[in-house]
Amino acid sequence: MKLTTKGRYAVTAMLDLALHYEKGTVTLADIARRQGISLSYLEQLFAKLRRCGLVDSVRGPGGGYNLAAHPSKITVAQIVAAINENIDATRCGGERNCQGDEACLTHQLWEELSTRIYEFLNGITLAELVTRPHVQEVASRQEGRMRAVVSR
């Protein structure tokens, strides 16, 4: 199992929204600038996140995106699943047909790993990530850069 760029970017963008949860809507352009993610890539990710009910969009002036629920109610596993990331470490996709029509010698091991990865990601909420000192430090640095760009 490998978390792809798509999964990493989705979690990063959702964490950005969580950091700005109390401040109202956030534009994808602002997320793109702060996180160094392509705007068109974010648009694709947010279409999936919106369809899965993790974000709400607001149109018009002052529009953008909000989390659809409090950050304490959204887990990393939900985000990863919303963008169709595979958390399955088995070679057969969990079908138990890795060796012909039967499970291979190590199928159960990889199945247990998949379960543990899911449980780990499902046990971490956006609210918990927001409180981490490193996240706060990086967010502060990013905000400083954004203010510097705006004041130029």
C-alpha atoms as a PDB file:
ATOM      1  CA  MET A   1       0.000   0.000   0.000  1.00  0.00           C
ATOM      2  CA  LYS A   2       1.299   3.393  -0.936  1.00  0.00           C
ATOM      3  CA  LEU A   3      -0.439   6.652  -0.261  1.00  0.00           C
ATOM      4  CA  THR A   4      -0.221   8.572  -3.524  1.00  0.00           C
ATOM      5  CA  THR A   5       0.231  12.278  -4.119  1.00  0.00           C
ATOM      6  CA  LYS A   6      -3.538  12.499  -4.533  1.00  0.00           C
ATOM      7  CA  GLY A   7      -4.078  11.231  -0.995  1.00  0.00           C
ATOM      8  CA  ARG A   8      -1.352  13.393   0.513  1.00  0.00           C
ATOM      9  CA  TYR A   9      -2.644  16.523  -1.209  1.00  0.00           C
ATOM     10  CA  ALA A  10      -6.236  15.832  -0.168  1.00  0.00           C
ATOM     11  CA  VAL A  11      -5.236  15.465   3.489  1.00  0.00           C
ATOM     12  CA  THR A  12      -3.033  18.570   3.289  1.00  0.00           C
ATOM     13  CA  ALA A  13      -5.809  20.663   1.731  1.00  0.00           C
ATOM     14  CA  MET A  14      -8.364  19.462   4.270  1.00  0.00           C
ATOM     15  CA  LEU A  15      -5.958  20.269   7.102  1.00  0.00           C
ATOM     16  CA  ASP A  16      -5.570  23.760   5.617  1.00  0.00           C
ATOM     17  CA  LEU A  17      -9.363  24.142   5.750  1.00  0.00           C
ATOM     18  CA  ALA A  18      -9.367  22.898   9.344  1.00  0.00           C
ATOM     19  CA  LEU A  19      -6.730  25.486  10.289  1.00  0.00           C
ATOM     20  CA  HIS A  20      -9.045  28.191   8.920  1.00  0.00           C
ATOM     21  CA  TYR A  21     -12.275  26.619  10.170  1.00  0.00           C
ATOM     22  CA  GLU A  22     -13.282  29.545  12.400  1.00  0.00           C
ATOM     23  CA  LYS A  23     -12.417  32.162   9.749  1.00  0.00           C
ATOM     24  CA  GLY A  24     -15.037  31.284   7.137  1.00  0.00           C
ATOM     25  CA  THR A  25     -14.648  30.124   3.564  1.00  0.00           C
ATOM     26  CA  VAL A  26     -11.260  29.469   2.034  1.00  0.00           C
ATOM     27  CA  THR A  27     -10.563  29.700  -1.679  1.00  0.00           C
ATOM     28  CA  LEU A  28      -8.777  26.930  -3.493  1.00  0.00           C
ATOM     29  CA  ALA A  29      -6.385  29.579  -4.828  1.00  0.00           C
ATOM     30  CA  ASP A  30      -5.323  30.399  -1.266  1.00  0.00           C
ATOM     31  CA  ILE A  31      -4.850  26.717  -0.436  1.00  0.00           C
ATOM     32  CA  ALA A  32      -2.867  26.280  -3.661  1.00  0.00           C
ATOM     33  CA  ARG A  33      -0.551  29.179  -2.769  1.00  0.00           C
ATOM     34  CA  ARG A  34      -0.034  28.136   0.848  1.00  0.00           C
ATOM     35  CA  GLN A  35       0.484  24.445   0.142  1.00  0.00           C
ATOM     36  CA  GLY A  36       2.178  24.565  -3.260  1.00  0.00           C
ATOM     37  CA  ILE A  37      -0.504  22.443  -4.919  1.00  0.00           C
ATOM     38  CA  SER A  38      -1.776  23.058  -8.440  1.00  0.00           C
ATOM     39  CA  LEU A  39      -5.157  24.814  -8.491  1.00  0.00           C
ATOM     40  CA  SER A  40      -6.516  22.490 -11.178  1.00  0.00           C
ATOM     41  CA  TYR A  41      -5.458  19.467  -9.110  1.00  0.00           C
ATOM     42  CA  LEU A  42      -7.225  20.897  -6.057  1.00  0.00           C
ATOM     43  CA  GLU A  43     -10.382  21.446  -8.114  1.00  0.00           C
ATOM     44  CA  GLN A  44     -10.421  17.748  -9.017  1.00  0.00           C
ATOM     45  CA  LEU A  45      -9.856  16.677  -5.408  1.00  0.00           C
ATOM     46  CA  PHE A  46     -12.488  19.027  -4.009  1.00  0.00           C
ATOM     47  CA  ALA A  47     -15.100  17.775  -6.468  1.00  0.00           C
ATOM     48  CA  LYS A  48     -14.651  14.319  -4.895  1.00  0.00           C
ATOM     49  CA  LEU A  49     -14.520  15.679  -1.345  1.00  0.00           C
ATOM     50  CA  ARG A  50     -17.750  17.624  -1.959  1.00  0.00           C
ATOM     51  CA  ARG A  51     -19.523  14.575  -3.431  1.00  0.00           C
ATOM     52  CA  CYS A  52     -18.580  12.598  -0.306  1.00  0.00           C
ATOM     53  CA  GLY A  53     -19.964  15.323   1.955  1.00  0.00           C
ATOM     54  CA  LEU A  54     -16.664  16.353   3.537  1.00  0.00           C
ATOM     55  CA  VAL A  55     -16.687  19.943   2.236  1.00  0.00           C
ATOM     56  CA  ASP A  56     -19.299  22.526   1.324  1.00  0.00           C
ATOM     57  CA  SER A  57     -18.811  25.108  -1.389  1.00  0.00           C
ATOM     58  CA  VAL A  58     -20.031  28.704  -1.318  1.00  0.00           C
ATOM     59  CA  ARG A  59     -20.396  30.504  -4.641  1.00  0.00           C
ATOM     60  CA  GLY A  60     -19.957  34.165  -5.432  1.00  0.00           C
ATOM     61  CA  PRO A  61     -17.909  36.954  -3.870  1.00  0.00           C
ATOM     62  CA  GLY A  62     -16.418  35.776  -0.614  1.00  0.00           C
ATOM     63  CA  GLY A  63     -17.036  32.216  -1.714  1.00  0.00           C
ATOM     64  CA  GLY A  64     -14.831  29.214  -1.341  1.00  0.00           C
ATOM     65  CA  TYR A  65     -14.918  26.032   0.684  1.00  0.00           C
ATOM     66  CA  ASN A  66     -15.691  25.069   4.278  1.00  0.00           C
ATOM     67  CA  LEU A  67     -15.465  21.781   6.071  1.00  0.00           C
ATOM     68  CA  ALA A  68     -18.914  20.173   6.068  1.00  0.00           C
ATOM     69  CA  ALA A  69     -18.456  19.077   9.682  1.00  0.00           C
ATOM     70  CA  HIS A  70     -16.411  20.140  12.681  1.00  0.00           C
ATOM     71  CA  PRO A  71     -12.733  19.116  12.320  1.00  0.00           C
ATOM     72  CA  SER A  72     -13.181  16.707  15.233  1.00  0.00           C
ATOM     73  CA  LYS A  73     -15.690  14.737  13.132  1.00  0.00           C
ATOM     74  CA  ILE A  74     -13.488  14.239  10.050  1.00  0.00           C
ATOM     75  CA  THR A  75     -10.800  11.551  10.067  1.00  0.00           C
ATOM     76  CA  VAL A  76      -7.823  11.130   7.783  1.00  0.00           C
ATOM     77  CA  ALA A  77      -9.264   7.758   6.705  1.00  0.00           C
ATOM     78  CA  GLN A  78     -12.476   9.471   5.524  1.00  0.00           C
ATOM     79  CA  ILE A  79     -10.464  11.882   3.407  1.00  0.00           C
ATOM     80  CA  VAL A  80      -8.349   9.132   1.880  1.00  0.00           C
ATOM     81  CA  ALA A  81     -11.439   7.044   1.118  1.00  0.00           C
ATOM     82  CA  ALA A  82     -13.259  10.035  -0.409  1.00  0.00           C
ATOM     83  CA  ILE A  83     -10.657  10.442  -3.094  1.00  0.00           C
ATOM     84  CA  ASN A  84     -10.619   6.699  -3.787  1.00  0.00           C
ATOM     85  CA  GLU A  85      -7.216   5.952  -2.309  1.00  0.00           C
ATOM     86  CA  ASN A  86      -6.606   2.306  -1.631  1.00  0.00           C
ATOM     87  CA  ILE A  87      -5.595   1.434   1.928  1.00  0.00           C
ATOM     88  CA  ASP A  88      -5.274  -2.241   1.009  1.00  0.00           C
ATOM     89  CA  ALA A  89      -1.779  -3.733   1.303  1.00  0.00           C
ATOM     90  CA  THR A  90      -2.771  -7.081  -0.219  1.00  0.00           C
ATOM     91  CA  ARG A  91      -1.654  -7.910  -3.723  1.00  0.00           C
ATOM     92  CA  CYS A  92      -5.136  -9.117  -4.691  1.00  0.00           C
ATOM     93  CA  GLY A  93      -7.147  -6.127  -3.494  1.00  0.00           C
ATOM     94  CA  GLY A  94      -8.648  -8.180  -0.681  1.00  0.00           C
ATOM     95  CA  GLU A  95     -10.220 -10.698  -3.056  1.00  0.00           C
ATOM     96  CA  ARG A  96      -8.238 -13.611  -1.593  1.00  0.00           C
ATOM     97  CA  ASN A  97      -7.285 -14.756  -5.099  1.00  0.00           C
ATOM     98  CA  CYS A  98      -3.623 -13.741  -4.975  1.00  0.00           C
ATOM     99  CA  GLN A  99      -2.457 -17.230  -5.924  1.00  0.00           C
ATOM    100  CA  GLY A 100      -4.793 -18.442  -8.581  1.00  0.00           C
ATOM    101  CA  ASP A 101      -8.198 -18.645  -6.933  1.00  0.00           C
ATOM    102  CA  GLU A 102      -6.824 -18.887  -3.404  1.00  0.00           C
ATOM    103  CA  ALA A 103      -5.144 -16.687  -0.841  1.00  0.00           C
ATOM    104  CA  CYS A 104      -1.355 -16.639  -0.919  1.00  0.00           C
ATOM    105  CA  LEU A 105       0.920 -17.602   1.953  1.00  0.00           C
ATOM    106  CA  THR A 106       1.167 -14.030   3.304  1.00  0.00           C
ATOM    107  CA  HIS A 107      -2.344 -12.812   2.510  1.00  0.00           C
ATOM    108  CA  GLN A 108      -3.450 -12.661   6.141  1.00  0.00           C
ATOM    109  CA  LEU A 109      -0.343 -10.675   7.106  1.00  0.00           C
ATOM    110  CA  TRP A 110      -1.052  -7.985   4.489  1.00  0.00           C
ATOM    111  CA  GLU A 111      -4.734  -8.012   5.376  1.00  0.00           C
ATOM    112  CA  GLU A 112      -3.858  -7.342   9.033  1.00  0.00           C
ATOM    113  CA  LEU A 113      -1.507  -4.535   7.972  1.00  0.00           C
ATOM    114  CA  SER A 114      -4.300  -2.970   5.910  1.00  0.00           C
ATOM    115  CA  THR A 115      -6.598  -3.113   8.941  1.00  0.00           C
ATOM    116  CA  ARG A 116      -4.001  -1.464  11.170  1.00  0.00           C
ATOM    117  CA  ILE A 117      -3.300   1.287   8.651  1.00  0.00           C
ATOM    118  CA  TYR A 118      -7.018   2.000   8.370  1.00  0.00           C
ATOM    119  CA  GLU A 119      -7.448   1.994  12.159  1.00  0.00           C
ATOM    120  CA  PHE A 120      -4.477   4.367  12.524  1.00  0.00           C
ATOM    121  CA  LEU A 121      -5.789   6.822   9.915  1.00  0.00           C
ATOM    122  CA  ASN A 122      -9.334   6.529  11.234  1.00  0.00           C
ATOM    123  CA  GLY A 123      -8.092   7.404  14.717  1.00  0.00           C
ATOM    124  CA  ILE A 124      -6.676  10.771  13.650  1.00  0.00           C
ATOM    125  CA  THR A 125      -9.049  13.702  13.180  1.00  0.00           C
ATOM    126  CA  LEU A 126      -8.348  17.040  11.568  1.00  0.00           C
ATOM    127  CA  ALA A 127      -8.924  18.669  14.977  1.00  0.00           C
ATOM    128  CA  GLU A 128      -6.188  16.539  16.497  1.00  0.00           C
ATOM    129  CA  LEU A 129      -3.772  17.418  13.687  1.00  0.00           C
ATOM    130  CA  VAL A 130      -4.507  21.144  14.054  1.00  0.00           C
ATOM    131  CA  THR A 131      -3.322  21.059  17.675  1.00  0.00           C
ATOM    132  CA  ARG A 132       0.052  19.517  16.895  1.00  0.00           C
ATOM    133  CA  PRO A 133       2.918  21.986  17.516  1.00  0.00           C
ATOM    134  CA  HIS A 134       4.602  21.238  14.194  1.00  0.00           C
ATOM    135  CA  VAL A 135       1.380  21.886  12.285  1.00  0.00           C
ATOM    136  CA  GLN A 136       0.913  25.182  14.135  1.00  0.00           C
ATOM    137  CA  GLU A 137       4.520  26.170  13.379  1.00  0.00           C
ATOM    138  CA  VAL A 138       4.228  25.421   9.658  1.00  0.00           C
ATOM    139  CA  ALA A 139       0.810  27.136   9.416  1.00  0.00           C
ATOM    140  CA  SER A 140       2.232  30.252  11.059  1.00  0.00           C
ATOM    141  CA  ARG A 141       5.132  30.318   8.612  1.00  0.00           C
ATOM    142  CA  GLN A 142       2.748  29.885   5.654  1.00  0.00           C
ATOM    143  CA  GLU A 143       0.487  32.706   6.880  1.00  0.00           C
ATOM    144  CA  GLY A 144       3.533  34.952   7.209  1.00  0.00           C
ATOM    145  CA  ARG A 145       4.502  34.246   3.606  1.00  0.00           C
ATOM    146  CA  MET A 146       0.949  34.933   2.427  1.00  0.00           C
ATOM    147  CA  ARG A 147       0.908  38.323   4.244  1.00  0.00           C
ATOM    148  CA  ALA A 148       4.273  39.210   2.718  1.00  0.00           C
ATOM    149  CA  VAL A 149       2.995  38.447  -0.784  1.00  0.00           C
ATOM    150  CA  VAL A 150      -0.190  40.483  -0.260  1.00  0.00           C
ATOM    151  CA  SER A 151       1.717  43.509   1.089  1.00  0.00           C
ATOM    152  CA  ARG A 152       4.019  43.697  -1.975  1.00  0.00           C
END
